[in-house]
Amino acid sequence: MTTKSFYFSQVADLRIEGVGIHASYSVNLIISDENTSEGKKITVSATGKSNAAKAAGSGNLLFWCKVKNMLDGKTYILERKKGEHWAVGIDDIVIGNTSFFISPAASRNAALEIEAGYFYDSGYTGTVPPIPASFKRVINLTPFQG
């Protein structure tokens, strides 16, 4: 099994008093691939971080992340499932995880398109995304060994 960590940051603006450029955010992805008899099992988990809620003085950040398998075009939504336990840093927000399989024949050209962002939820006036609302990155996966 191979496990890699990817850290992406996005400069962002949030038009709420006291926030502005403090709406910038980062997402940390952990991607594991395991060779099985069914193919390559891919597991993606993620946490997010931003100072937007602190700058505003209240509210919550609702992070989200989508993973698109570039081989077949299927999209997977990262979510936190009941009963899961996570080890995170003091300011990290759990986004969630997902798992899927890639066939051995297709694994040489495997790539994932990651799209992530968040919404600021004030609790009483609704939710608003930062500007830009999300980022996209492509991650090339390592080929099967032996």
C-alpha atoms as a PDB file:
ATOM      1  CA  MET A   1       0.000   0.000   0.000  1.00  0.00           C
ATOM      2  CA  THR A   2       1.201   3.474  -0.882  1.00  0.00           C
ATOM      3  CA  THR A   3       0.023   6.536   1.033  1.00  0.00           C
ATOM      4  CA  LYS A   4       0.730  10.105  -0.020  1.00  0.00           C
ATOM      5  CA  SER A   5      -0.251  13.461   1.425  1.00  0.00           C
ATOM      6  CA  PHE A   6      -1.122  16.486  -0.720  1.00  0.00           C
ATOM      7  CA  TYR A   7      -1.526  20.010   0.629  1.00  0.00           C
ATOM      8  CA  PHE A   8      -3.317  22.636  -1.461  1.00  0.00           C
ATOM      9  CA  SER A   9      -3.993  26.249  -0.523  1.00  0.00           C
ATOM     10  CA  GLN A  10      -6.249  28.829  -2.149  1.00  0.00           C
ATOM     11  CA  VAL A  11      -6.142  32.601  -1.700  1.00  0.00           C
ATOM     12  CA  ALA A  12      -9.746  33.741  -1.258  1.00  0.00           C
ATOM     13  CA  ASP A  13     -11.864  36.728  -0.289  1.00  0.00           C
ATOM     14  CA  LEU A  14     -15.083  36.726   1.714  1.00  0.00           C
ATOM     15  CA  ARG A  15     -17.210  39.869   1.607  1.00  0.00           C
ATOM     16  CA  ILE A  16     -18.146  39.788   5.282  1.00  0.00           C
ATOM     17  CA  GLU A  17     -17.049  42.488   7.716  1.00  0.00           C
ATOM     18  CA  GLY A  18     -13.743  41.576   9.320  1.00  0.00           C
ATOM     19  CA  VAL A  19     -12.944  38.666   7.005  1.00  0.00           C
ATOM     20  CA  GLY A  20     -11.770  39.799   3.542  1.00  0.00           C
ATOM     21  CA  ILE A  21      -8.527  38.026   2.592  1.00  0.00           C
ATOM     22  CA  HIS A  22      -8.655  35.966   5.814  1.00  0.00           C
ATOM     23  CA  ALA A  23     -11.051  33.714   3.874  1.00  0.00           C
ATOM     24  CA  SER A  24      -8.072  31.962   2.270  1.00  0.00           C
ATOM     25  CA  TYR A  25      -8.127  28.239   2.944  1.00  0.00           C
ATOM     26  CA  SER A  26      -6.210  25.008   2.619  1.00  0.00           C
ATOM     27  CA  VAL A  27      -7.121  21.362   2.120  1.00  0.00           C
ATOM     28  CA  ASN A  28      -4.945  18.428   3.124  1.00  0.00           C
ATOM     29  CA  LEU A  29      -5.596  15.189   1.195  1.00  0.00           C
ATOM     30  CA  ILE A  30      -4.368  11.739   2.162  1.00  0.00           C
ATOM     31  CA  ILE A  31      -4.526   9.289  -0.769  1.00  0.00           C
ATOM     32  CA  SER A  32      -3.852   5.579  -0.278  1.00  0.00           C
ATOM     33  CA  ASP A  33      -3.698   3.006  -3.035  1.00  0.00           C
ATOM     34  CA  GLU A  34      -3.656  -0.704  -2.332  1.00  0.00           C
ATOM     35  CA  ASN A  35      -3.214  -3.461  -4.911  1.00  0.00           C
ATOM     36  CA  THR A  36      -5.928  -6.110  -4.499  1.00  0.00           C
ATOM     37  CA  SER A  37      -7.228  -8.961  -6.627  1.00  0.00           C
ATOM     38  CA  GLU A  38     -10.091  -6.673  -7.758  1.00  0.00           C
ATOM     39  CA  GLY A  39      -7.766  -3.885  -8.840  1.00  0.00           C
ATOM     40  CA  LYS A  40      -6.279  -0.836  -7.203  1.00  0.00           C
ATOM     41  CA  LYS A  41      -8.310   0.289  -4.171  1.00  0.00           C
ATOM     42  CA  ILE A  42      -8.105   4.071  -3.841  1.00  0.00           C
ATOM     43  CA  THR A  43      -8.992   5.741  -0.541  1.00  0.00           C
ATOM     44  CA  VAL A  44      -9.103   9.546  -0.291  1.00  0.00           C
ATOM     45  CA  SER A  45      -9.574  11.456   2.960  1.00  0.00           C
ATOM     46  CA  ALA A  46      -9.379  15.189   3.566  1.00  0.00           C
ATOM     47  CA  THR A  47      -9.336  17.955   6.168  1.00  0.00           C
ATOM     48  CA  GLY A  48      -9.724  21.696   5.617  1.00  0.00           C
ATOM     49  CA  LYS A  49      -8.521  24.821   7.399  1.00  0.00           C
ATOM     50  CA  SER A  50      -9.274  28.560   7.234  1.00  0.00           C
ATOM     51  CA  ASN A  51      -9.295  31.600   9.520  1.00  0.00           C
ATOM     52  CA  ALA A  52     -12.568  32.947   8.087  1.00  0.00           C
ATOM     53  CA  ALA A  53     -14.753  32.020  11.090  1.00  0.00           C
ATOM     54  CA  LYS A  54     -12.219  33.477  13.549  1.00  0.00           C
ATOM     55  CA  ALA A  55     -11.975  36.697  11.534  1.00  0.00           C
ATOM     56  CA  ALA A  56     -15.771  37.053  11.437  1.00  0.00           C
ATOM     57  CA  GLY A  57     -16.014  36.370  15.165  1.00  0.00           C
ATOM     58  CA  SER A  58     -18.584  33.575  14.832  1.00  0.00           C
ATOM     59  CA  GLY A  59     -20.035  31.095  12.361  1.00  0.00           C
ATOM     60  CA  ASN A  60     -19.008  27.731  10.979  1.00  0.00           C
ATOM     61  CA  LEU A  61     -17.090  26.575   7.944  1.00  0.00           C
ATOM     62  CA  LEU A  62     -18.720  23.833   5.890  1.00  0.00           C
ATOM     63  CA  PHE A  63     -15.955  22.266   3.791  1.00  0.00           C
ATOM     64  CA  TRP A  64     -16.686  19.975   0.832  1.00  0.00           C
ATOM     65  CA  CYS A  65     -14.590  17.933  -1.573  1.00  0.00           C
ATOM     66  CA  LYS A  66     -15.283  15.943  -4.762  1.00  0.00           C
ATOM     67  CA  VAL A  67     -12.963  13.398  -6.368  1.00  0.00           C
ATOM     68  CA  LYS A  68     -13.363  12.572 -10.061  1.00  0.00           C
ATOM     69  CA  ASN A  69     -11.781   9.401 -11.438  1.00  0.00           C
ATOM     70  CA  MET A  70     -10.380  10.639 -14.760  1.00  0.00           C
ATOM     71  CA  LEU A  71     -10.461   7.113 -16.258  1.00  0.00           C
ATOM     72  CA  ASP A  72     -14.223   6.593 -16.127  1.00  0.00           C
ATOM     73  CA  GLY A  73     -15.513  10.065 -15.201  1.00  0.00           C
ATOM     74  CA  LYS A  74     -17.195   8.904 -11.979  1.00  0.00           C
ATOM     75  CA  THR A  75     -17.378  11.500  -9.206  1.00  0.00           C
ATOM     76  CA  TYR A  76     -17.163  10.647  -5.512  1.00  0.00           C
ATOM     77  CA  ILE A  77     -18.207  12.993  -2.711  1.00  0.00           C
ATOM     78  CA  LEU A  78     -16.097  12.934   0.438  1.00  0.00           C
ATOM     79  CA  GLU A  79     -18.277  12.605   3.512  1.00  0.00           C
ATOM     80  CA  ARG A  80     -17.868  11.788   7.162  1.00  0.00           C
ATOM     81  CA  LYS A  81     -19.620   8.565   8.056  1.00  0.00           C
ATOM     82  CA  LYS A  82     -21.160   7.787  11.430  1.00  0.00           C
ATOM     83  CA  GLY A  83     -18.773   5.994  13.773  1.00  0.00           C
ATOM     84  CA  GLU A  84     -15.558   7.119  12.040  1.00  0.00           C
ATOM     85  CA  HIS A  85     -12.748   8.542  14.140  1.00  0.00           C
ATOM     86  CA  TRP A  86     -10.247  11.097  12.902  1.00  0.00           C
ATOM     87  CA  ALA A  87      -6.952  12.449  14.221  1.00  0.00           C
ATOM     88  CA  VAL A  88      -6.748  16.122  13.274  1.00  0.00           C
ATOM     89  CA  GLY A  89      -4.860  19.255  14.243  1.00  0.00           C
ATOM     90  CA  ILE A  90      -6.316  21.971  16.448  1.00  0.00           C
ATOM     91  CA  ASP A  91      -7.721  24.056  13.566  1.00  0.00           C
ATOM     92  CA  ASP A  92      -8.441  21.225  11.111  1.00  0.00           C
ATOM     93  CA  ILE A  93     -12.004  20.524  10.005  1.00  0.00           C
ATOM     94  CA  VAL A  94     -12.835  17.000   8.874  1.00  0.00           C
ATOM     95  CA  ILE A  95     -14.227  16.904   5.329  1.00  0.00           C
ATOM     96  CA  GLY A  96     -14.566  13.136   4.986  1.00  0.00           C
ATOM     97  CA  ASN A  97     -13.408  10.207   2.920  1.00  0.00           C
ATOM     98  CA  THR A  98     -14.336   7.891   0.051  1.00  0.00           C
ATOM     99  CA  SER A  99     -13.057   4.645  -1.517  1.00  0.00           C
ATOM    100  CA  PHE A 100     -13.312   3.112  -4.996  1.00  0.00           C
ATOM    101  CA  PHE A 101     -11.527   0.626  -7.287  1.00  0.00           C
ATOM    102  CA  ILE A 102      -9.541   1.091 -10.503  1.00  0.00           C
ATOM    103  CA  SER A 103      -9.017  -1.926 -12.774  1.00  0.00           C
ATOM    104  CA  PRO A 104      -5.429  -3.230 -13.073  1.00  0.00           C
ATOM    105  CA  ALA A 105      -5.383  -2.665 -16.848  1.00  0.00           C
ATOM    106  CA  ALA A 106      -6.302   1.026 -16.503  1.00  0.00           C
ATOM    107  CA  SER A 107      -4.097   1.857 -13.514  1.00  0.00           C
ATOM    108  CA  ARG A 108      -1.074   3.015 -15.540  1.00  0.00           C
ATOM    109  CA  ASN A 109      -2.830   6.221 -16.621  1.00  0.00           C
ATOM    110  CA  ALA A 110      -4.882   6.742 -13.459  1.00  0.00           C
ATOM    111  CA  ALA A 111      -5.453  10.323 -12.362  1.00  0.00           C
ATOM    112  CA  LEU A 112      -7.835  12.059  -9.967  1.00  0.00           C
ATOM    113  CA  GLU A 113      -9.344  15.516 -10.336  1.00  0.00           C
ATOM    114  CA  ILE A 114      -9.902  17.087  -6.935  1.00  0.00           C
ATOM    115  CA  GLU A 115     -12.355  19.956  -6.420  1.00  0.00           C
ATOM    116  CA  ALA A 116     -12.722  21.465  -2.950  1.00  0.00           C
ATOM    117  CA  GLY A 117     -14.008  24.563  -1.191  1.00  0.00           C
ATOM    118  CA  TYR A 118     -16.206  25.694   1.663  1.00  0.00           C
ATOM    119  CA  PHE A 119     -19.219  27.730   2.650  1.00  0.00           C
ATOM    120  CA  TYR A 120     -19.259  30.165   5.568  1.00  0.00           C
ATOM    121  CA  ASP A 121     -22.401  29.574   7.639  1.00  0.00           C
ATOM    122  CA  SER A 122     -23.248  32.517   9.898  1.00  0.00           C
ATOM    123  CA  GLY A 123     -26.050  30.579  11.540  1.00  0.00           C
ATOM    124  CA  TYR A 124     -28.683  33.296  11.185  1.00  0.00           C
ATOM    125  CA  THR A 125     -28.246  34.957   7.800  1.00  0.00           C
ATOM    126  CA  GLY A 126     -27.402  31.908   5.696  1.00  0.00           C
ATOM    127  CA  THR A 127     -24.339  30.569   3.922  1.00  0.00           C
ATOM    128  CA  VAL A 128     -21.947  32.203   1.492  1.00  0.00           C
ATOM    129  CA  PRO A 129     -18.932  30.849  -0.440  1.00  0.00           C
ATOM    130  CA  PRO A 130     -15.628  32.709  -0.636  1.00  0.00           C
ATOM    131  CA  ILE A 131     -14.357  34.145  -3.924  1.00  0.00           C
ATOM    132  CA  PRO A 132     -13.219  31.942  -5.681  1.00  0.00           C
ATOM    133  CA  ALA A 133     -15.655  29.359  -4.348  1.00  0.00           C
ATOM    134  CA  SER A 134     -13.423  26.340  -5.033  1.00  0.00           C
ATOM    135  CA  PHE A 135     -10.211  25.074  -6.579  1.00  0.00           C
ATOM    136  CA  LYS A 136      -9.420  22.137  -8.870  1.00  0.00           C
ATOM    137  CA  ARG A 137      -6.219  20.097  -9.036  1.00  0.00           C
ATOM    138  CA  VAL A 138      -5.224  16.902 -10.875  1.00  0.00           C
ATOM    139  CA  ILE A 139      -3.226  14.180  -9.109  1.00  0.00           C
ATOM    140  CA  ASN A 140      -1.541  11.432 -11.155  1.00  0.00           C
ATOM    141  CA  LEU A 141      -1.499   8.073  -9.368  1.00  0.00           C
ATOM    142  CA  THR A 142       1.469   5.721  -9.343  1.00  0.00           C
ATOM    143  CA  PRO A 143       1.260   2.631 -11.598  1.00  0.00           C
ATOM    144  CA  PHE A 144       0.867  -0.919 -10.249  1.00  0.00           C
ATOM    145  CA  GLN A 145       4.106  -2.481  -9.026  1.00  0.00           C
ATOM    146  CA  GLY A 146       5.007  -5.920 -10.490  1.00  0.00           C
END
